[in-house]
Amino acid sequence: MSALPALTAFATPKSAQFHAASLSVAAVAGIATLGVTSVMLPPPAMFLGWAAFNLAGDDLRGGLANTVSHLLGLALGAGTAVLIGAMTPMLGLLATPLAVICVVIVVLSLREVAPINNPLAYFLGLTSFFYSGLAPSASTLAMLGSAAVIGGAACAIAAFAQDAVARAGEVRHA
């Protein structure tokens, strides 16, 4: 007995709808990647913005709040880098863990600030900043923030495309 499904399982209308939705999301991701790379923005920052938008909330308002949290996380990352640089001459290797403790306290305290209260979105912003390896500056924040906003917008467009495919499948099979 085979563990693989019969080939006919891949030809059902529901699976065609599933594949159409997947293809629509893949197309949006490809177009967004082309857009950010054509203007020299980092695709990983775009995909972190996409992920942040989609973390929680089933509507545009929740996605926008997550994107704002992500952007604030970028700024917190830059501030943390400045703090590490200022404390390193005095504290050496202790500067980084102490700065991390400080930023985590700030992020977790922001859970009380609705609607921008998604710690994971803040941490994705921090990750985007530190992953970039760039110095904390306005231009760094503008570059990473722009990529994140494009990623969030792409995520919203992908969600709309998935919904359109789902609605088209419901109408056709009604």
C-alpha atoms as a PDB file:
ATOM      1  CA  MET A   1       0.000   0.000   0.000  1.00  0.00           C
ATOM      2  CA  SER A   2       1.434   3.336  -1.070  1.00  0.00           C
ATOM      3  CA  ALA A   3       1.645   6.336   1.254  1.00  0.00           C
ATOM      4  CA  LEU A   4       1.274   8.660  -1.734  1.00  0.00           C
ATOM      5  CA  PRO A   5      -2.198   9.834  -2.761  1.00  0.00           C
ATOM      6  CA  ALA A   6      -3.659   8.639  -6.019  1.00  0.00           C
ATOM      7  CA  LEU A   7      -2.870  10.902  -8.960  1.00  0.00           C
ATOM      8  CA  THR A   8      -6.564  11.686  -9.363  1.00  0.00           C
ATOM      9  CA  ALA A   9      -6.423  13.542  -6.029  1.00  0.00           C
ATOM     10  CA  PHE A  10      -4.404  16.257  -7.752  1.00  0.00           C
ATOM     11  CA  ALA A  11      -7.036  16.862 -10.426  1.00  0.00           C
ATOM     12  CA  THR A  12      -9.993  17.812  -8.241  1.00  0.00           C
ATOM     13  CA  PRO A  13     -11.499  21.294  -8.538  1.00  0.00           C
ATOM     14  CA  LYS A  14     -10.513  22.083  -4.952  1.00  0.00           C
ATOM     15  CA  SER A  15      -6.883  21.246  -5.643  1.00  0.00           C
ATOM     16  CA  ALA A  16      -6.959  23.393  -8.791  1.00  0.00           C
ATOM     17  CA  GLN A  17      -8.207  26.267  -6.633  1.00  0.00           C
ATOM     18  CA  PHE A  18      -5.463  25.539  -4.090  1.00  0.00           C
ATOM     19  CA  HIS A  19      -2.805  25.630  -6.796  1.00  0.00           C
ATOM     20  CA  ALA A  20      -4.271  28.805  -8.320  1.00  0.00           C
ATOM     21  CA  ALA A  21      -4.120  30.513  -4.922  1.00  0.00           C
ATOM     22  CA  SER A  22      -0.545  29.316  -4.424  1.00  0.00           C
ATOM     23  CA  LEU A  23       0.429  30.544  -7.870  1.00  0.00           C
ATOM     24  CA  SER A  24      -1.121  33.957  -7.218  1.00  0.00           C
ATOM     25  CA  VAL A  25       0.868  34.360  -3.998  1.00  0.00           C
ATOM     26  CA  ALA A  26       4.051  33.184  -5.717  1.00  0.00           C
ATOM     27  CA  ALA A  27       3.496  35.694  -8.523  1.00  0.00           C
ATOM     28  CA  VAL A  28       3.035  38.541  -6.029  1.00  0.00           C
ATOM     29  CA  ALA A  29       6.197  37.455  -4.183  1.00  0.00           C
ATOM     30  CA  GLY A  30       8.147  37.352  -7.435  1.00  0.00           C
ATOM     31  CA  ILE A  31       6.933  40.783  -8.536  1.00  0.00           C
ATOM     32  CA  ALA A  32       7.689  42.262  -5.100  1.00  0.00           C
ATOM     33  CA  THR A  33      11.177  40.734  -5.172  1.00  0.00           C
ATOM     34  CA  LEU A  34      11.788  42.155  -8.639  1.00  0.00           C
ATOM     35  CA  GLY A  35      10.622  45.546  -7.394  1.00  0.00           C
ATOM     36  CA  VAL A  36      12.879  45.678  -4.352  1.00  0.00           C
ATOM     37  CA  THR A  37      15.937  44.325  -6.137  1.00  0.00           C
ATOM     38  CA  SER A  38      15.464  46.775  -9.017  1.00  0.00           C
ATOM     39  CA  VAL A  39      15.756  49.678  -6.566  1.00  0.00           C
ATOM     40  CA  MET A  40      18.590  48.034  -4.612  1.00  0.00           C
ATOM     41  CA  LEU A  41      16.568  47.165  -1.498  1.00  0.00           C
ATOM     42  CA  PRO A  42      17.331  43.906   0.321  1.00  0.00           C
ATOM     43  CA  PRO A  43      14.801  41.130  -0.414  1.00  0.00           C
ATOM     44  CA  PRO A  44      15.226  39.562   3.055  1.00  0.00           C
ATOM     45  CA  ALA A  45      14.024  42.826   4.621  1.00  0.00           C
ATOM     46  CA  MET A  46      11.032  42.749   2.266  1.00  0.00           C
ATOM     47  CA  PHE A  47      10.156  39.194   3.280  1.00  0.00           C
ATOM     48  CA  LEU A  48      10.509  40.050   6.970  1.00  0.00           C
ATOM     49  CA  GLY A  49       8.040  42.889   6.359  1.00  0.00           C
ATOM     50  CA  TRP A  50       5.740  40.394   4.621  1.00  0.00           C
ATOM     51  CA  ALA A  51       5.970  38.041   7.586  1.00  0.00           C
ATOM     52  CA  ALA A  52       5.363  40.858  10.079  1.00  0.00           C
ATOM     53  CA  PHE A  53       2.245  42.009   8.226  1.00  0.00           C
ATOM     54  CA  ASN A  54       0.834  38.493   8.347  1.00  0.00           C
ATOM     55  CA  LEU A  55       1.630  37.661  11.998  1.00  0.00           C
ATOM     56  CA  ALA A  56      -1.738  38.260  13.598  1.00  0.00           C
ATOM     57  CA  GLY A  57      -5.019  39.831  12.748  1.00  0.00           C
ATOM     58  CA  ASP A  58      -7.211  38.777   9.906  1.00  0.00           C
ATOM     59  CA  ASP A  59      -7.740  42.196   8.409  1.00  0.00           C
ATOM     60  CA  LEU A  60      -5.912  45.114   6.896  1.00  0.00           C
ATOM     61  CA  ARG A  61      -5.969  47.074  10.163  1.00  0.00           C
ATOM     62  CA  GLY A  62      -4.166  44.267  12.015  1.00  0.00           C
ATOM     63  CA  GLY A  63      -1.598  43.956   9.229  1.00  0.00           C
ATOM     64  CA  LEU A  64      -0.942  47.691   9.260  1.00  0.00           C
ATOM     65  CA  ALA A  65      -0.513  47.644  13.052  1.00  0.00           C
ATOM     66  CA  ASN A  66       1.966  44.783  12.677  1.00  0.00           C
ATOM     67  CA  THR A  67       3.849  46.736  10.015  1.00  0.00           C
ATOM     68  CA  VAL A  68       4.075  49.769  12.304  1.00  0.00           C
ATOM     69  CA  SER A  69       5.365  47.481  15.079  1.00  0.00           C
ATOM     70  CA  HIS A  70       7.939  46.089  12.638  1.00  0.00           C
ATOM     71  CA  LEU A  71       9.080  49.592  11.658  1.00  0.00           C
ATOM     72  CA  LEU A  72       9.376  50.571  15.309  1.00  0.00           C
ATOM     73  CA  GLY A  73      11.420  47.383  15.803  1.00  0.00           C
ATOM     74  CA  LEU A  74      13.812  48.616  13.114  1.00  0.00           C
ATOM     75  CA  ALA A  75      14.214  51.886  15.008  1.00  0.00           C
ATOM     76  CA  LEU A  76      14.706  50.019  18.275  1.00  0.00           C
ATOM     77  CA  GLY A  77      17.374  47.940  16.545  1.00  0.00           C
ATOM     78  CA  ALA A  78      19.229  51.066  15.469  1.00  0.00           C
ATOM     79  CA  GLY A  79      18.935  52.487  18.971  1.00  0.00           C
ATOM     80  CA  THR A  80      20.195  49.241  20.455  1.00  0.00           C
ATOM     81  CA  ALA A  81      23.198  49.293  18.120  1.00  0.00           C
ATOM     82  CA  VAL A  82      24.009  52.837  19.247  1.00  0.00           C
ATOM     83  CA  LEU A  83      23.636  51.756  22.886  1.00  0.00           C
ATOM     84  CA  ILE A  84      25.974  48.788  22.333  1.00  0.00           C
ATOM     85  CA  GLY A  85      28.540  51.087  20.715  1.00  0.00           C
ATOM     86  CA  ALA A  86      28.356  53.542  23.597  1.00  0.00           C
ATOM     87  CA  MET A  87      28.584  50.895  26.332  1.00  0.00           C
ATOM     88  CA  THR A  88      31.274  48.668  24.785  1.00  0.00           C
ATOM     89  CA  PRO A  89      34.286  50.828  25.788  1.00  0.00           C
ATOM     90  CA  MET A  90      33.176  50.660  29.426  1.00  0.00           C
ATOM     91  CA  LEU A  91      31.632  47.190  29.627  1.00  0.00           C
ATOM     92  CA  GLY A  92      33.302  45.163  26.903  1.00  0.00           C
ATOM     93  CA  LEU A  93      31.473  41.920  26.177  1.00  0.00           C
ATOM     94  CA  LEU A  94      28.733  42.759  28.686  1.00  0.00           C
ATOM     95  CA  ALA A  95      27.494  45.660  26.533  1.00  0.00           C
ATOM     96  CA  THR A  96      25.577  43.499  24.056  1.00  0.00           C
ATOM     97  CA  PRO A  97      23.683  41.335  26.570  1.00  0.00           C
ATOM     98  CA  LEU A  98      22.813  44.388  28.660  1.00  0.00           C
ATOM     99  CA  ALA A  99      21.537  46.237  25.590  1.00  0.00           C
ATOM    100  CA  VAL A 100      19.512  43.171  24.606  1.00  0.00           C
ATOM    101  CA  ILE A 101      17.948  43.032  28.068  1.00  0.00           C
ATOM    102  CA  CYS A 102      16.993  46.692  27.726  1.00  0.00           C
ATOM    103  CA  VAL A 103      15.436  46.344  24.287  1.00  0.00           C
ATOM    104  CA  VAL A 104      13.521  43.196  25.251  1.00  0.00           C
ATOM    105  CA  ILE A 105      12.088  45.012  28.277  1.00  0.00           C
ATOM    106  CA  VAL A 106      10.973  47.847  25.993  1.00  0.00           C
ATOM    107  CA  VAL A 107       9.449  45.488  23.403  1.00  0.00           C
ATOM    108  CA  LEU A 108       7.595  43.433  25.970  1.00  0.00           C
ATOM    109  CA  SER A 109       6.331  46.595  27.661  1.00  0.00           C
ATOM    110  CA  LEU A 110       4.863  47.691  24.331  1.00  0.00           C
ATOM    111  CA  ARG A 111       2.403  44.766  24.517  1.00  0.00           C
ATOM    112  CA  GLU A 112       0.179  47.219  26.402  1.00  0.00           C
ATOM    113  CA  VAL A 113       0.152  49.764  23.550  1.00  0.00           C
ATOM    114  CA  ALA A 114      -2.721  48.649  21.336  1.00  0.00           C
ATOM    115  CA  PRO A 115      -2.889  48.236  18.420  1.00  0.00           C
ATOM    116  CA  ILE A 116       0.895  48.229  17.906  1.00  0.00           C
ATOM    117  CA  ASN A 117       1.407  45.531  20.503  1.00  0.00           C
ATOM    118  CA  ASN A 118       2.766  42.526  18.631  1.00  0.00           C
ATOM    119  CA  PRO A 119       6.156  41.598  20.116  1.00  0.00           C
ATOM    120  CA  LEU A 120       6.921  39.227  17.249  1.00  0.00           C
ATOM    121  CA  ALA A 121       6.581  42.074  14.741  1.00  0.00           C
ATOM    122  CA  TYR A 122       8.959  44.201  16.849  1.00  0.00           C
ATOM    123  CA  PHE A 123      11.427  41.305  16.985  1.00  0.00           C
ATOM    124  CA  LEU A 124      11.218  40.866  13.207  1.00  0.00           C
ATOM    125  CA  GLY A 125      12.137  44.550  12.899  1.00  0.00           C
ATOM    126  CA  LEU A 126      15.059  44.066  15.267  1.00  0.00           C
ATOM    127  CA  THR A 127      16.100  40.981  13.295  1.00  0.00           C
ATOM    128  CA  SER A 128      15.900  42.878  10.022  1.00  0.00           C
ATOM    129  CA  PHE A 129      18.096  45.650  11.373  1.00  0.00           C
ATOM    130  CA  PHE A 130      20.769  43.395  12.873  1.00  0.00           C
ATOM    131  CA  TYR A 131      20.690  40.948   9.956  1.00  0.00           C
ATOM    132  CA  SER A 132      21.450  43.800   7.582  1.00  0.00           C
ATOM    133  CA  GLY A 133      24.816  44.403   9.249  1.00  0.00           C
ATOM    134  CA  LEU A 134      24.457  48.098   8.435  1.00  0.00           C
ATOM    135  CA  ALA A 135      25.349  51.003  10.677  1.00  0.00           C
ATOM    136  CA  PRO A 136      22.503  52.702  12.491  1.00  0.00           C
ATOM    137  CA  SER A 137      21.549  55.700  10.354  1.00  0.00           C
ATOM    138  CA  ALA A 138      18.541  57.379   8.839  1.00  0.00           C
ATOM    139  CA  SER A 139      19.425  55.943   5.427  1.00  0.00           C
ATOM    140  CA  THR A 140      19.613  52.413   6.850  1.00  0.00           C
ATOM    141  CA  LEU A 141      16.215  52.822   8.479  1.00  0.00           C
ATOM    142  CA  ALA A 142      14.773  54.282   5.271  1.00  0.00           C
ATOM    143  CA  MET A 143      16.130  51.412   3.185  1.00  0.00           C
ATOM    144  CA  LEU A 144      15.007  48.637   5.524  1.00  0.00           C
ATOM    145  CA  GLY A 145      11.706  50.372   6.271  1.00  0.00           C
ATOM    146  CA  SER A 146      10.931  50.821   2.584  1.00  0.00           C
ATOM    147  CA  ALA A 147      11.608  47.155   1.922  1.00  0.00           C
ATOM    148  CA  ALA A 148       9.414  46.185   4.891  1.00  0.00           C
ATOM    149  CA  VAL A 149       6.528  48.360   3.722  1.00  0.00           C
ATOM    150  CA  ILE A 150       6.772  46.868   0.233  1.00  0.00           C
ATOM    151  CA  GLY A 151       6.705  43.417   1.846  1.00  0.00           C
ATOM    152  CA  GLY A 152       3.651  44.305   3.914  1.00  0.00           C
ATOM    153  CA  ALA A 153       1.874  45.705   0.854  1.00  0.00           C
ATOM    154  CA  ALA A 154       2.771  42.602  -1.133  1.00  0.00           C
ATOM    155  CA  CYS A 155       1.360  40.429   1.640  1.00  0.00           C
ATOM    156  CA  ALA A 156      -1.898  42.408   1.576  1.00  0.00           C
ATOM    157  CA  ILE A 157      -2.097  42.074  -2.224  1.00  0.00           C
ATOM    158  CA  ALA A 158      -1.374  38.337  -1.969  1.00  0.00           C
ATOM    159  CA  ALA A 159      -4.156  37.933   0.599  1.00  0.00           C
ATOM    160  CA  PHE A 160      -6.541  39.807  -1.709  1.00  0.00           C
ATOM    161  CA  ALA A 161      -5.503  37.569  -4.621  1.00  0.00           C
ATOM    162  CA  GLN A 162      -6.074  34.435  -2.535  1.00  0.00           C
ATOM    163  CA  ASP A 163      -9.519  35.690  -1.551  1.00  0.00           C
ATOM    164  CA  ALA A 164     -10.336  36.419  -5.193  1.00  0.00           C
ATOM    165  CA  VAL A 165      -9.337  32.887  -6.191  1.00  0.00           C
ATOM    166  CA  ALA A 166     -11.434  31.475  -3.341  1.00  0.00           C
ATOM    167  CA  ARG A 167     -14.469  33.569  -4.364  1.00  0.00           C
ATOM    168  CA  ALA A 168     -14.063  32.531  -7.997  1.00  0.00           C
ATOM    169  CA  GLY A 169     -14.015  28.876  -6.924  1.00  0.00           C
ATOM    170  CA  GLU A 170     -17.158  29.305  -4.823  1.00  0.00           C
ATOM    171  CA  VAL A 171     -19.065  30.924  -7.677  1.00  0.00           C
ATOM    172  CA  ARG A 172     -17.986  28.295 -10.172  1.00  0.00           C
ATOM    173  CA  HIS A 173     -18.956  25.387  -7.891  1.00  0.00           C
ATOM    174  CA  ALA A 174     -22.163  26.856  -6.464  1.00  0.00           C
END
